[in-house]
PDB file of N, CA and C in Angstrom:
ATOM      1  N   MET A   1     -13.336 -16.325   8.471  1.00  0.00           N
ATOM      2  CA  MET A   1     -11.966 -16.762   8.261  1.00  0.00           C
ATOM      3  C   MET A   1     -11.249 -15.740   7.387  1.00  0.00           C
ATOM      4  N   SER A   2     -10.052 -15.360   7.789  1.00  0.00           N
ATOM      5  CA  SER A   2      -9.307 -14.317   7.082  1.00  0.00           C
ATOM      6  C   SER A   2      -8.421 -14.917   5.994  1.00  0.00           C
ATOM      7  N   ASN A   3      -8.378 -14.244   4.851  1.00  0.00           N
ATOM      8  CA  ASN A   3      -7.483 -14.631   3.765  1.00  0.00           C
ATOM      9  C   ASN A   3      -6.077 -14.114   4.000  1.00  0.00           C
ATOM     10  N   GLY A   4      -5.868 -13.301   5.003  1.00  0.00           N
ATOM     11  CA  GLY A   4      -4.578 -12.696   5.284  1.00  0.00           C
ATOM     12  C   GLY A   4      -4.771 -11.254   5.705  1.00  0.00           C
ATOM     13  N   THR A   5      -3.665 -10.624   6.043  1.00  0.00           N
ATOM     14  CA  THR A   5      -3.697  -9.242   6.511  1.00  0.00           C
ATOM     15  C   THR A   5      -3.082  -8.329   5.458  1.00  0.00           C
ATOM     16  N   ILE A   6      -3.779  -7.253   5.163  1.00  0.00           N
ATOM     17  CA  ILE A   6      -3.300  -6.270   4.195  1.00  0.00           C
ATOM     18  C   ILE A   6      -3.161  -4.926   4.903  1.00  0.00           C
ATOM     19  N   LEU A   7      -2.002  -4.327   4.744  1.00  0.00           N
ATOM     20  CA  LEU A   7      -1.750  -2.984   5.257  1.00  0.00           C
ATOM     21  C   LEU A   7      -1.984  -2.003   4.132  1.00  0.00           C
ATOM     22  N   ILE A   8      -2.881  -1.044   4.352  1.00  0.00           N
ATOM     23  CA  ILE A   8      -3.087   0.024   3.377  1.00  0.00           C
ATOM     24  C   ILE A   8      -2.561   1.319   3.978  1.00  0.00           C
ATOM     25  N   ALA A   9      -1.767   2.031   3.206  1.00  0.00           N
ATOM     26  CA  ALA A   9      -1.204   3.308   3.649  1.00  0.00           C
ATOM     27  C   ALA A   9      -1.575   4.384   2.640  1.00  0.00           C
ATOM     28  N   ASP A  10      -2.422   5.302   3.090  1.00  0.00           N
ATOM     29  CA  ASP A  10      -2.861   6.410   2.240  1.00  0.00           C
ATOM     30  C   ASP A  10      -3.367   7.511   3.157  1.00  0.00           C
ATOM     31  N   ASP A  11      -3.031   8.749   2.856  1.00  0.00           N
ATOM     32  CA  ASP A  11      -3.491   9.853   3.702  1.00  0.00           C
ATOM     33  C   ASP A  11      -4.894  10.326   3.335  1.00  0.00           C
ATOM     34  N   ASP A  12      -5.464   9.781   2.281  1.00  0.00           N
ATOM     35  CA  ASP A  12      -6.828  10.112   1.881  1.00  0.00           C
ATOM     36  C   ASP A  12      -7.776   9.099   2.533  1.00  0.00           C
ATOM     37  N   ARG A  13      -8.505   9.562   3.537  1.00  0.00           N
ATOM     38  CA  ARG A  13      -9.380   8.664   4.304  1.00  0.00           C
ATOM     39  C   ARG A  13     -10.465   8.016   3.441  1.00  0.00           C
ATOM     40  N   ARG A  14     -10.893   8.701   2.396  1.00  0.00           N
ATOM     41  CA  ARG A  14     -11.903   8.114   1.499  1.00  0.00           C
ATOM     42  C   ARG A  14     -11.345   6.891   0.779  1.00  0.00           C
ATOM     43  N   ILE A  15     -10.118   7.006   0.299  1.00  0.00           N
ATOM     44  CA  ILE A  15      -9.469   5.869  -0.379  1.00  0.00           C
ATOM     45  C   ILE A  15      -9.318   4.710   0.595  1.00  0.00           C
ATOM     46  N   VAL A  16      -8.865   5.009   1.802  1.00  0.00           N
ATOM     47  CA  VAL A  16      -8.686   3.965   2.816  1.00  0.00           C
ATOM     48  C   VAL A  16     -10.013   3.262   3.074  1.00  0.00           C
ATOM     49  N   LYS A  17     -11.082   4.028   3.201  1.00  0.00           N
ATOM     50  CA  LYS A  17     -12.393   3.445   3.482  1.00  0.00           C
ATOM     51  C   LYS A  17     -12.859   2.549   2.330  1.00  0.00           C
ATOM     52  N   ILE A  18     -12.729   3.022   1.103  1.00  0.00           N
ATOM     53  CA  ILE A  18     -13.155   2.253  -0.068  1.00  0.00           C
ATOM     54  C   ILE A  18     -12.361   0.952  -0.180  1.00  0.00           C
ATOM     55  N   VAL A  19     -11.044   1.056  -0.082  1.00  0.00           N
ATOM     56  CA  VAL A  19     -10.193  -0.126  -0.205  1.00  0.00           C
ATOM     57  C   VAL A  19     -10.461  -1.100   0.943  1.00  0.00           C
ATOM     58  N   THR A  20     -10.609  -0.572   2.142  1.00  0.00           N
ATOM     59  CA  THR A  20     -10.879  -1.425   3.302  1.00  0.00           C
ATOM     60  C   THR A  20     -12.173  -2.209   3.111  1.00  0.00           C
ATOM     61  N   LEU A  21     -13.239  -1.527   2.736  1.00  0.00           N
ATOM     62  CA  LEU A  21     -14.525  -2.206   2.534  1.00  0.00           C
ATOM     63  C   LEU A  21     -14.420  -3.293   1.471  1.00  0.00           C
ATOM     64  N   CYS A  22     -13.780  -2.970   0.375  1.00  0.00           N
ATOM     65  CA  CYS A  22     -13.644  -3.923  -0.728  1.00  0.00           C
ATOM     66  C   CYS A  22     -12.840  -5.154  -0.302  1.00  0.00           C
ATOM     67  N   LEU A  23     -11.720  -4.932   0.370  1.00  0.00           N
ATOM     68  CA  LEU A  23     -10.863  -6.051   0.773  1.00  0.00           C
ATOM     69  C   LEU A  23     -11.488  -6.874   1.894  1.00  0.00           C
ATOM     70  N   GLU A  24     -12.181  -6.206   2.812  1.00  0.00           N
ATOM     71  CA  GLU A  24     -12.847  -6.955   3.883  1.00  0.00           C
ATOM     72  C   GLU A  24     -13.964  -7.833   3.322  1.00  0.00           C
ATOM     73  N   GLN A  25     -14.638  -7.385   2.273  1.00  0.00           N
ATOM     74  CA  GLN A  25     -15.668  -8.203   1.627  1.00  0.00           C
ATOM     75  C   GLN A  25     -15.066  -9.465   1.008  1.00  0.00           C
ATOM     76  N   GLU A  26     -13.788  -9.377   0.656  1.00  0.00           N
ATOM     77  CA  GLU A  26     -13.089 -10.535   0.087  1.00  0.00           C
ATOM     78  C   GLU A  26     -12.464 -11.418   1.164  1.00  0.00           C
ATOM     79  N   GLY A  27     -12.666 -11.049   2.433  1.00  0.00           N
ATOM     80  CA  GLY A  27     -12.200 -11.888   3.536  1.00  0.00           C
ATOM     81  C   GLY A  27     -10.844 -11.526   4.114  1.00  0.00           C
ATOM     82  N   TYR A  28     -10.310 -10.353   3.753  1.00  0.00           N
ATOM     83  CA  TYR A  28      -9.011  -9.934   4.275  1.00  0.00           C
ATOM     84  C   TYR A  28      -9.179  -9.095   5.532  1.00  0.00           C
ATOM     85  N   LYS A  29      -8.207  -9.178   6.413  1.00  0.00           N
ATOM     86  CA  LYS A  29      -8.127  -8.258   7.546  1.00  0.00           C
ATOM     87  C   LYS A  29      -7.330  -7.057   7.034  1.00  0.00           C
ATOM     88  N   VAL A  30      -7.823  -5.849   7.283  1.00  0.00           N
ATOM     89  CA  VAL A  30      -7.171  -4.642   6.780  1.00  0.00           C
ATOM     90  C   VAL A  30      -6.740  -3.768   7.943  1.00  0.00           C
ATOM     91  N   VAL A  31      -5.487  -3.320   7.886  1.00  0.00           N
ATOM     92  CA  VAL A  31      -4.928  -2.388   8.862  1.00  0.00           C
ATOM     93  C   VAL A  31      -4.519  -1.145   8.074  1.00  0.00           C
ATOM     94  N   ALA A  32      -4.835   0.042   8.600  1.00  0.00           N
ATOM     95  CA  ALA A  32      -4.582   1.280   7.855  1.00  0.00           C
ATOM     96  C   ALA A  32      -3.547   2.161   8.530  1.00  0.00           C
ATOM     97  N   ALA A  33      -2.735   2.811   7.696  1.00  0.00           N
ATOM     98  CA  ALA A  33      -1.762   3.810   8.135  1.00  0.00           C
ATOM     99  C   ALA A  33      -2.059   5.100   7.386  1.00  0.00           C
ATOM    100  N   GLN A  34      -1.855   6.246   8.051  1.00  0.00           N
ATOM    101  CA  GLN A  34      -2.150   7.541   7.445  1.00  0.00           C
ATOM    102  C   GLN A  34      -0.932   8.233   6.843  1.00  0.00           C
ATOM    103  N   ASP A  35       0.266   7.695   7.096  1.00  0.00           N
ATOM    104  CA  ASP A  35       1.482   8.286   6.530  1.00  0.00           C
ATOM    105  C   ASP A  35       2.551   7.200   6.396  1.00  0.00           C
ATOM    106  N   GLY A  36       3.646   7.548   5.737  1.00  0.00           N
ATOM    107  CA  GLY A  36       4.703   6.577   5.472  1.00  0.00           C
ATOM    108  C   GLY A  36       5.391   6.042   6.713  1.00  0.00           C
ATOM    109  N   GLU A  37       5.619   6.912   7.692  1.00  0.00           N
ATOM    110  CA  GLU A  37       6.274   6.461   8.925  1.00  0.00           C
ATOM    111  C   GLU A  37       5.414   5.445   9.663  1.00  0.00           C
ATOM    112  N   GLU A  38       4.115   5.728   9.743  1.00  0.00           N
ATOM    113  CA  GLU A  38       3.208   4.792  10.410  1.00  0.00           C
ATOM    114  C   GLU A  38       3.152   3.468   9.645  1.00  0.00           C
ATOM    115  N   ALA A  39       3.214   3.517   8.329  1.00  0.00           N
ATOM    116  CA  ALA A  39       3.201   2.300   7.517  1.00  0.00           C
ATOM    117  C   ALA A  39       4.414   1.423   7.822  1.00  0.00           C
ATOM    118  N   VAL A  40       5.572   2.048   7.939  1.00  0.00           N
ATOM    119  CA  VAL A  40       6.786   1.289   8.252  1.00  0.00           C
ATOM    120  C   VAL A  40       6.662   0.647   9.633  1.00  0.00           C
ATOM    121  N   ARG A  41       6.203   1.404  10.612  1.00  0.00           N
ATOM    122  CA  ARG A  41       6.031   0.870  11.977  1.00  0.00           C
ATOM    123  C   ARG A  41       5.055  -0.308  11.993  1.00  0.00           C
ATOM    124  N   LEU A  42       3.906  -0.109  11.342  1.00  0.00           N
ATOM    125  CA  LEU A  42       2.899  -1.169  11.330  1.00  0.00           C
ATOM    126  C   LEU A  42       3.384  -2.406  10.581  1.00  0.00           C
ATOM    127  N   ALA A  43       4.034  -2.211   9.454  1.00  0.00           N
ATOM    128  CA  ALA A  43       4.537  -3.354   8.691  1.00  0.00           C
ATOM    129  C   ALA A  43       5.534  -4.163   9.512  1.00  0.00           C
ATOM    130  N   SER A  44       6.389  -3.478  10.245  1.00  0.00           N
ATOM    131  CA  SER A  44       7.368  -4.170  11.095  1.00  0.00           C
ATOM    132  C   SER A  44       6.680  -4.939  12.214  1.00  0.00           C
ATOM    133  N   ALA A  45       5.608  -4.369  12.755  1.00  0.00           N
ATOM    134  CA  ALA A  45       4.924  -4.979  13.902  1.00  0.00           C
ATOM    135  C   ALA A  45       4.005  -6.129  13.505  1.00  0.00           C
ATOM    136  N   ILE A  46       3.229  -5.957  12.430  1.00  0.00           N
ATOM    137  CA  ILE A  46       2.211  -6.961  12.112  1.00  0.00           C
ATOM    138  C   ILE A  46       2.614  -7.940  11.013  1.00  0.00           C
ATOM    139  N   LYS A  47       3.670  -7.642  10.279  1.00  0.00           N
ATOM    140  CA  LYS A  47       4.126  -8.506   9.186  1.00  0.00           C
ATOM    141  C   LYS A  47       2.962  -8.877   8.251  1.00  0.00           C
ATOM    142  N   PRO A  48       2.421  -7.885   7.532  1.00  0.00           N
ATOM    143  CA  PRO A  48       1.251  -8.144   6.679  1.00  0.00           C
ATOM    144  C   PRO A  48       1.598  -9.066   5.510  1.00  0.00           C
ATOM    145  N   ASP A  49       0.556  -9.600   4.891  1.00  0.00           N
ATOM    146  CA  ASP A  49       0.733 -10.451   3.711  1.00  0.00           C
ATOM    147  C   ASP A  49       0.870  -9.624   2.442  1.00  0.00           C
ATOM    148  N   LEU A  50       0.418  -8.361   2.504  1.00  0.00           N
ATOM    149  CA  LEU A  50       0.465  -7.448   1.364  1.00  0.00           C
ATOM    150  C   LEU A  50       0.400  -6.020   1.884  1.00  0.00           C
ATOM    151  N   VAL A  51       1.083  -5.108   1.181  1.00  0.00           N
ATOM    152  CA  VAL A  51       0.998  -3.683   1.488  1.00  0.00           C
ATOM    153  C   VAL A  51       0.475  -2.971   0.242  1.00  0.00           C
ATOM    154  N   VAL A  52      -0.529  -2.121   0.434  1.00  0.00           N
ATOM    155  CA  VAL A  52      -1.050  -1.263  -0.627  1.00  0.00           C
ATOM    156  C   VAL A  52      -0.748   0.164  -0.188  1.00  0.00           C
ATOM    157  N   MET A  53       0.034   0.893  -1.005  1.00  0.00           N
ATOM    158  CA  MET A  53       0.541   2.181  -0.541  1.00  0.00           C
ATOM    159  C   MET A  53       0.477   3.267  -1.600  1.00  0.00           C
ATOM    160  N   ASP A  54       0.086   4.445  -1.141  1.00  0.00           N
ATOM    161  CA  ASP A  54       0.128   5.646  -1.970  1.00  0.00           C
ATOM    162  C   ASP A  54       1.572   6.153  -1.982  1.00  0.00           C
ATOM    163  N   ILE A  55       1.939   6.929  -2.977  1.00  0.00           N
ATOM    164  CA  ILE A  55       3.283   7.509  -3.020  1.00  0.00           C
ATOM    165  C   ILE A  55       3.321   8.831  -2.265  1.00  0.00           C
ATOM    166  N   MET A  56       2.366   9.697  -2.548  1.00  0.00           N
ATOM    167  CA  MET A  56       2.399  11.048  -1.992  1.00  0.00           C
ATOM    168  C   MET A  56       1.724  11.078  -0.623  1.00  0.00           C
ATOM    169  N   MET A  57       2.537  10.878   0.419  1.00  0.00           N
ATOM    170  CA  MET A  57       2.032  10.877   1.791  1.00  0.00           C
ATOM    171  C   MET A  57       2.918  11.748   2.666  1.00  0.00           C
ATOM    172  N   PRO A  58       2.368  12.212   3.784  1.00  0.00           N
ATOM    173  CA  PRO A  58       3.176  13.030   4.700  1.00  0.00           C
ATOM    174  C   PRO A  58       4.199  12.196   5.458  1.00  0.00           C
ATOM    175  N   LYS A  59       5.165  12.893   6.017  1.00  0.00           N
ATOM    176  CA  LYS A  59       6.224  12.364   6.877  1.00  0.00           C
ATOM    177  C   LYS A  59       7.258  11.521   6.139  1.00  0.00           C
ATOM    178  N   LEU A  60       6.822  10.603   5.305  1.00  0.00           N
ATOM    179  CA  LEU A  60       7.730   9.745   4.541  1.00  0.00           C
ATOM    180  C   LEU A  60       6.963   9.308   3.304  1.00  0.00           C
ATOM    181  N   ASP A  61       7.500   9.605   2.113  1.00  0.00           N
ATOM    182  CA  ASP A  61       6.731   9.254   0.920  1.00  0.00           C
ATOM    183  C   ASP A  61       6.681   7.737   0.735  1.00  0.00           C
ATOM    184  N   GLY A  62       5.729   7.303  -0.068  1.00  0.00           N
ATOM    185  CA  GLY A  62       5.477   5.885  -0.241  1.00  0.00           C
ATOM    186  C   GLY A  62       6.654   5.088  -0.760  1.00  0.00           C
ATOM    187  N   LEU A  63       7.440   5.656  -1.660  1.00  0.00           N
ATOM    188  CA  LEU A  63       8.582   4.908  -2.201  1.00  0.00           C
ATOM    189  C   LEU A  63       9.664   4.703  -1.145  1.00  0.00           C
ATOM    190  N   GLU A  64       9.922   5.734  -0.353  1.00  0.00           N
ATOM    191  CA  GLU A  64      10.891   5.581   0.736  1.00  0.00           C
ATOM    192  C   GLU A  64      10.372   4.581   1.767  1.00  0.00           C
ATOM    193  N   ALA A  65       9.079   4.654   2.054  1.00  0.00           N
ATOM    194  CA  ALA A  65       8.476   3.710   2.997  1.00  0.00           C
ATOM    195  C   ALA A  65       8.602   2.276   2.464  1.00  0.00           C
ATOM    196  N   CYS A  66       8.397   2.094   1.169  1.00  0.00           N
ATOM    197  CA  CYS A  66       8.545   0.761   0.560  1.00  0.00           C
ATOM    198  C   CYS A  66       9.945   0.204   0.789  1.00  0.00           C
ATOM    199  N   GLN A  67      10.946   1.029   0.543  1.00  0.00           N
ATOM    200  CA  GLN A  67      12.326   0.587   0.750  1.00  0.00           C
ATOM    201  C   GLN A  67      12.555   0.161   2.192  1.00  0.00           C
ATOM    202  N   LYS A  68      12.073   0.957   3.134  1.00  0.00           N
ATOM    203  CA  LYS A  68      12.265   0.637   4.552  1.00  0.00           C
ATOM    204  C   LYS A  68      11.512  -0.629   4.940  1.00  0.00           C
ATOM    205  N   ILE A  69      10.302  -0.782   4.424  1.00  0.00           N
ATOM    206  CA  ILE A  69       9.521  -1.979   4.720  1.00  0.00           C
ATOM    207  C   ILE A  69      10.220  -3.216   4.173  1.00  0.00           C
ATOM    208  N   LYS A  70      10.705  -3.149   2.943  1.00  0.00           N
ATOM    209  CA  LYS A  70      11.372  -4.295   2.315  1.00  0.00           C
ATOM    210  C   LYS A  70      12.637  -4.709   3.067  1.00  0.00           C
ATOM    211  N   MET A  71      13.242  -3.782   3.828  1.00  0.00           N
ATOM    212  CA  MET A  71      14.438  -4.122   4.609  1.00  0.00           C
ATOM    213  C   MET A  71      14.097  -4.981   5.825  1.00  0.00           C
ATOM    214  N   VAL A  72      12.843  -4.901   6.300  1.00  0.00           N
ATOM    215  CA  VAL A  72      12.489  -5.638   7.513  1.00  0.00           C
ATOM    216  C   VAL A  72      11.442  -6.731   7.295  1.00  0.00           C
ATOM    217  N   VAL A  73      10.688  -6.659   6.220  1.00  0.00           N
ATOM    218  CA  VAL A  73       9.639  -7.634   5.961  1.00  0.00           C
ATOM    219  C   VAL A  73       9.662  -8.011   4.479  1.00  0.00           C
ATOM    220  N   ASP A  74       9.646  -9.304   4.192  1.00  0.00           N
ATOM    221  CA  ASP A  74       9.567  -9.758   2.809  1.00  0.00           C
ATOM    222  C   ASP A  74       8.090  -9.821   2.434  1.00  0.00           C
ATOM    223  N   VAL A  75       7.582  -8.727   1.880  1.00  0.00           N
ATOM    224  CA  VAL A  75       6.157  -8.601   1.600  1.00  0.00           C
ATOM    225  C   VAL A  75       5.963  -7.954   0.228  1.00  0.00           C
ATOM    226  N   PRO A  76       4.983  -8.438  -0.545  1.00  0.00           N
ATOM    227  CA  PRO A  76       4.685  -7.750  -1.803  1.00  0.00           C
ATOM    228  C   PRO A  76       4.050  -6.388  -1.522  1.00  0.00           C
ATOM    229  N   ILE A  77       4.400  -5.416  -2.363  1.00  0.00           N
ATOM    230  CA  ILE A  77       3.889  -4.059  -2.206  1.00  0.00           C
ATOM    231  C   ILE A  77       3.263  -3.598  -3.516  1.00  0.00           C
ATOM    232  N   VAL A  78       2.027  -3.104  -3.411  1.00  0.00           N
ATOM    233  CA  VAL A  78       1.313  -2.538  -4.550  1.00  0.00           C
ATOM    234  C   VAL A  78       1.194  -1.038  -4.317  1.00  0.00           C
ATOM    235  N   ILE A  79       1.665  -0.274  -5.274  1.00  0.00           N
ATOM    236  CA  ILE A  79       1.502   1.182  -5.217  1.00  0.00           C
ATOM    237  C   ILE A  79       0.149   1.520  -5.823  1.00  0.00           C
ATOM    238  N   LEU A  80      -0.570   2.397  -5.147  1.00  0.00           N
ATOM    239  CA  LEU A  80      -1.847   2.908  -5.619  1.00  0.00           C
ATOM    240  C   LEU A  80      -1.694   4.425  -5.633  1.00  0.00           C
ATOM    241  N   SER A  81      -1.463   5.000  -6.821  1.00  0.00           N
ATOM    242  CA  SER A  81      -1.066   6.401  -6.882  1.00  0.00           C
ATOM    243  C   SER A  81      -1.707   7.161  -8.034  1.00  0.00           C
ATOM    244  N   ALA A  82      -1.853   8.464  -7.832  1.00  0.00           N
ATOM    245  CA  ALA A  82      -2.308   9.348  -8.902  1.00  0.00           C
ATOM    246  C   ALA A  82      -1.174   9.634  -9.886  1.00  0.00           C
ATOM    247  N   LYS A  83       0.068   9.329  -9.493  1.00  0.00           N
ATOM    248  CA  LYS A  83       1.213   9.546 -10.384  1.00  0.00           C
ATOM    249  C   LYS A  83       1.218   8.426 -11.424  1.00  0.00           C
ATOM    250  N   ASP A  84       0.856   8.792 -12.663  1.00  0.00           N
ATOM    251  CA  ASP A  84       0.692   7.761 -13.683  1.00  0.00           C
ATOM    252  C   ASP A  84       1.717   7.820 -14.808  1.00  0.00           C
ATOM    253  N   ASP A  85       2.754   8.605 -14.625  1.00  0.00           N
ATOM    254  CA  ASP A  85       3.796   8.699 -15.635  1.00  0.00           C
ATOM    255  C   ASP A  85       4.623   7.408 -15.640  1.00  0.00           C
ATOM    256  N   VAL A  86       5.065   6.993 -16.813  1.00  0.00           N
ATOM    257  CA  VAL A  86       5.869   5.773 -16.936  1.00  0.00           C
ATOM    258  C   VAL A  86       7.129   5.863 -16.076  1.00  0.00           C
ATOM    259  N   VAL A  87       7.739   7.027 -16.009  1.00  0.00           N
ATOM    260  CA  VAL A  87       8.947   7.203 -15.203  1.00  0.00           C
ATOM    261  C   VAL A  87       8.654   6.910 -13.731  1.00  0.00           C
ATOM    262  N   ASP A  88       7.512   7.366 -13.233  1.00  0.00           N
ATOM    263  CA  ASP A  88       7.139   7.084 -11.843  1.00  0.00           C
ATOM    264  C   ASP A  88       7.012   5.584 -11.605  1.00  0.00           C
ATOM    265  N   LYS A  89       6.414   4.892 -12.554  1.00  0.00           N
ATOM    266  CA  LYS A  89       6.255   3.445 -12.430  1.00  0.00           C
ATOM    267  C   LYS A  89       7.619   2.745 -12.443  1.00  0.00           C
ATOM    268  N   ILE A  90       8.493   3.139 -13.341  1.00  0.00           N
ATOM    269  CA  ILE A  90       9.823   2.524 -13.433  1.00  0.00           C
ATOM    270  C   ILE A  90      10.598   2.751 -12.141  1.00  0.00           C
ATOM    271  N   VAL A  91      10.556   3.970 -11.620  1.00  0.00           N
ATOM    272  CA  VAL A  91      11.231   4.270 -10.350  1.00  0.00           C
ATOM    273  C   VAL A  91      10.668   3.373  -9.255  1.00  0.00           C
ATOM    274  N   GLY A  92       9.351   3.242  -9.208  1.00  0.00           N
ATOM    275  CA  GLY A  92       8.716   2.388  -8.206  1.00  0.00           C
ATOM    276  C   GLY A  92       9.208   0.950  -8.295  1.00  0.00           C
ATOM    277  N   PHE A  93       9.230   0.399  -9.492  1.00  0.00           N
ATOM    278  CA  PHE A  93       9.683  -0.983  -9.647  1.00  0.00           C
ATOM    279  C   PHE A  93      11.153  -1.143  -9.258  1.00  0.00           C
ATOM    280  N   LYS A  94      11.971  -0.149  -9.581  1.00  0.00           N
ATOM    281  CA  LYS A  94      13.388  -0.214  -9.200  1.00  0.00           C
ATOM    282  C   LYS A  94      13.576  -0.121  -7.686  1.00  0.00           C
ATOM    283  N   MET A  95      12.600   0.469  -6.989  1.00  0.00           N
ATOM    284  CA  MET A  95      12.697   0.617  -5.537  1.00  0.00           C
ATOM    285  C   MET A  95      12.032  -0.542  -4.794  1.00  0.00           C
ATOM    286  N   GLY A  96      11.615  -1.569  -5.525  1.00  0.00           N
ATOM    287  CA  GLY A  96      11.103  -2.760  -4.874  1.00  0.00           C
ATOM    288  C   GLY A  96       9.604  -2.968  -4.915  1.00  0.00           C
ATOM    289  N   VAL A  97       8.887  -2.109  -5.616  1.00  0.00           N
ATOM    290  CA  VAL A  97       7.432  -2.255  -5.726  1.00  0.00           C
ATOM    291  C   VAL A  97       7.125  -3.464  -6.614  1.00  0.00           C
ATOM    292  N   ASP A  98       6.098  -4.214  -6.248  1.00  0.00           N
ATOM    293  CA  ASP A  98       5.744  -5.412  -7.003  1.00  0.00           C
ATOM    294  C   ASP A  98       4.655  -5.170  -8.044  1.00  0.00           C
ATOM    295  N   ASP A  99       3.802  -4.178  -7.813  1.00  0.00           N
ATOM    296  CA  ASP A  99       2.759  -3.826  -8.776  1.00  0.00           C
ATOM    297  C   ASP A  99       2.435  -2.344  -8.599  1.00  0.00           C
ATOM    298  N   TYR A 100       1.836  -1.749  -9.614  1.00  0.00           N
ATOM    299  CA  TYR A 100       1.576  -0.309  -9.611  1.00  0.00           C
ATOM    300  C   TYR A 100       0.230  -0.085 -10.259  1.00  0.00           C
ATOM    301  N   GLN A 101      -0.730   0.419  -9.505  1.00  0.00           N
ATOM    302  CA  GLN A 101      -2.039   0.769 -10.046  1.00  0.00           C
ATOM    303  C   GLN A 101      -2.239   2.260  -9.887  1.00  0.00           C
ATOM    304  N   THR A 102      -2.831   2.857 -10.912  1.00  0.00           N
ATOM    305  CA  THR A 102      -3.034   4.300 -10.868  1.00  0.00           C
ATOM    306  C   THR A 102      -4.469   4.646 -10.456  1.00  0.00           C
ATOM    307  N   LYS A 103      -4.587   5.804  -9.820  1.00  0.00           N
ATOM    308  CA  LYS A 103      -5.891   6.351  -9.454  1.00  0.00           C
ATOM    309  C   LYS A 103      -6.388   7.191 -10.619  1.00  0.00           C
ATOM    310  N   PRO A 104      -7.645   7.195 -10.926  1.00  0.00           N
ATOM    311  CA  PRO A 104      -8.687   6.408 -10.284  1.00  0.00           C
ATOM    312  C   PRO A 104      -8.498   4.921 -10.588  1.00  0.00           C
ATOM    313  N   PHE A 105      -9.005   4.077  -9.702  1.00  0.00           N
ATOM    314  CA  PHE A 105      -8.793   2.647  -9.819  1.00  0.00           C
ATOM    315  C   PHE A 105     -10.110   1.914  -9.580  1.00  0.00           C
ATOM    316  N   SER A 106     -10.122   0.669  -9.939  1.00  0.00           N
ATOM    317  CA  SER A 106     -11.284  -0.187  -9.693  1.00  0.00           C
ATOM    318  C   SER A 106     -11.028  -0.976  -8.410  1.00  0.00           C
ATOM    319  N   PRO A 107     -11.801  -0.752  -7.359  1.00  0.00           N
ATOM    320  CA  PRO A 107     -11.611  -1.522  -6.122  1.00  0.00           C
ATOM    321  C   PRO A 107     -11.710  -3.026  -6.369  1.00  0.00           C
ATOM    322  N   ALA A 108     -12.600  -3.439  -7.263  1.00  0.00           N
ATOM    323  CA  ALA A 108     -12.741  -4.865  -7.560  1.00  0.00           C
ATOM    324  C   ALA A 108     -11.460  -5.414  -8.185  1.00  0.00           C
ATOM    325  N   GLU A 109     -10.854  -4.643  -9.086  1.00  0.00           N
ATOM    326  CA  GLU A 109      -9.602  -5.080  -9.700  1.00  0.00           C
ATOM    327  C   GLU A 109      -8.488  -5.166  -8.664  1.00  0.00           C
ATOM    328  N   LEU A 110      -8.436  -4.206  -7.764  1.00  0.00           N
ATOM    329  CA  LEU A 110      -7.431  -4.230  -6.718  1.00  0.00           C
ATOM    330  C   LEU A 110      -7.577  -5.474  -5.850  1.00  0.00           C
ATOM    331  N   ALA A 111      -8.821  -5.800  -5.485  1.00  0.00           N
ATOM    332  CA  ALA A 111      -9.077  -6.988  -4.647  1.00  0.00           C
ATOM    333  C   ALA A 111      -8.659  -8.248  -5.380  1.00  0.00           C
TER     334      ALA A 111
END
């Protein structure tokens, strides 16, 4: 039985694999995107219960993708990023991000 669907968007396949394994162990269905444009397309199509997104991605950065996703789907978004400056976090929250975790991160805490 699934606890819901989570969209993870990160161009680092290792991060995607780690997060996917951790969330699937908690009973979530996980769908992955490799860039911001794909994340927006998938979010519009599947209407996930949560989005976990990196900021620094090809084609469309995570913050721009968050804005586009929020225009079509009312979904909480967690940023998972190596950018750990307070200014980056404030910008993220002003752009509609609901939570911000920095890399390196604890997969258990994320779950």
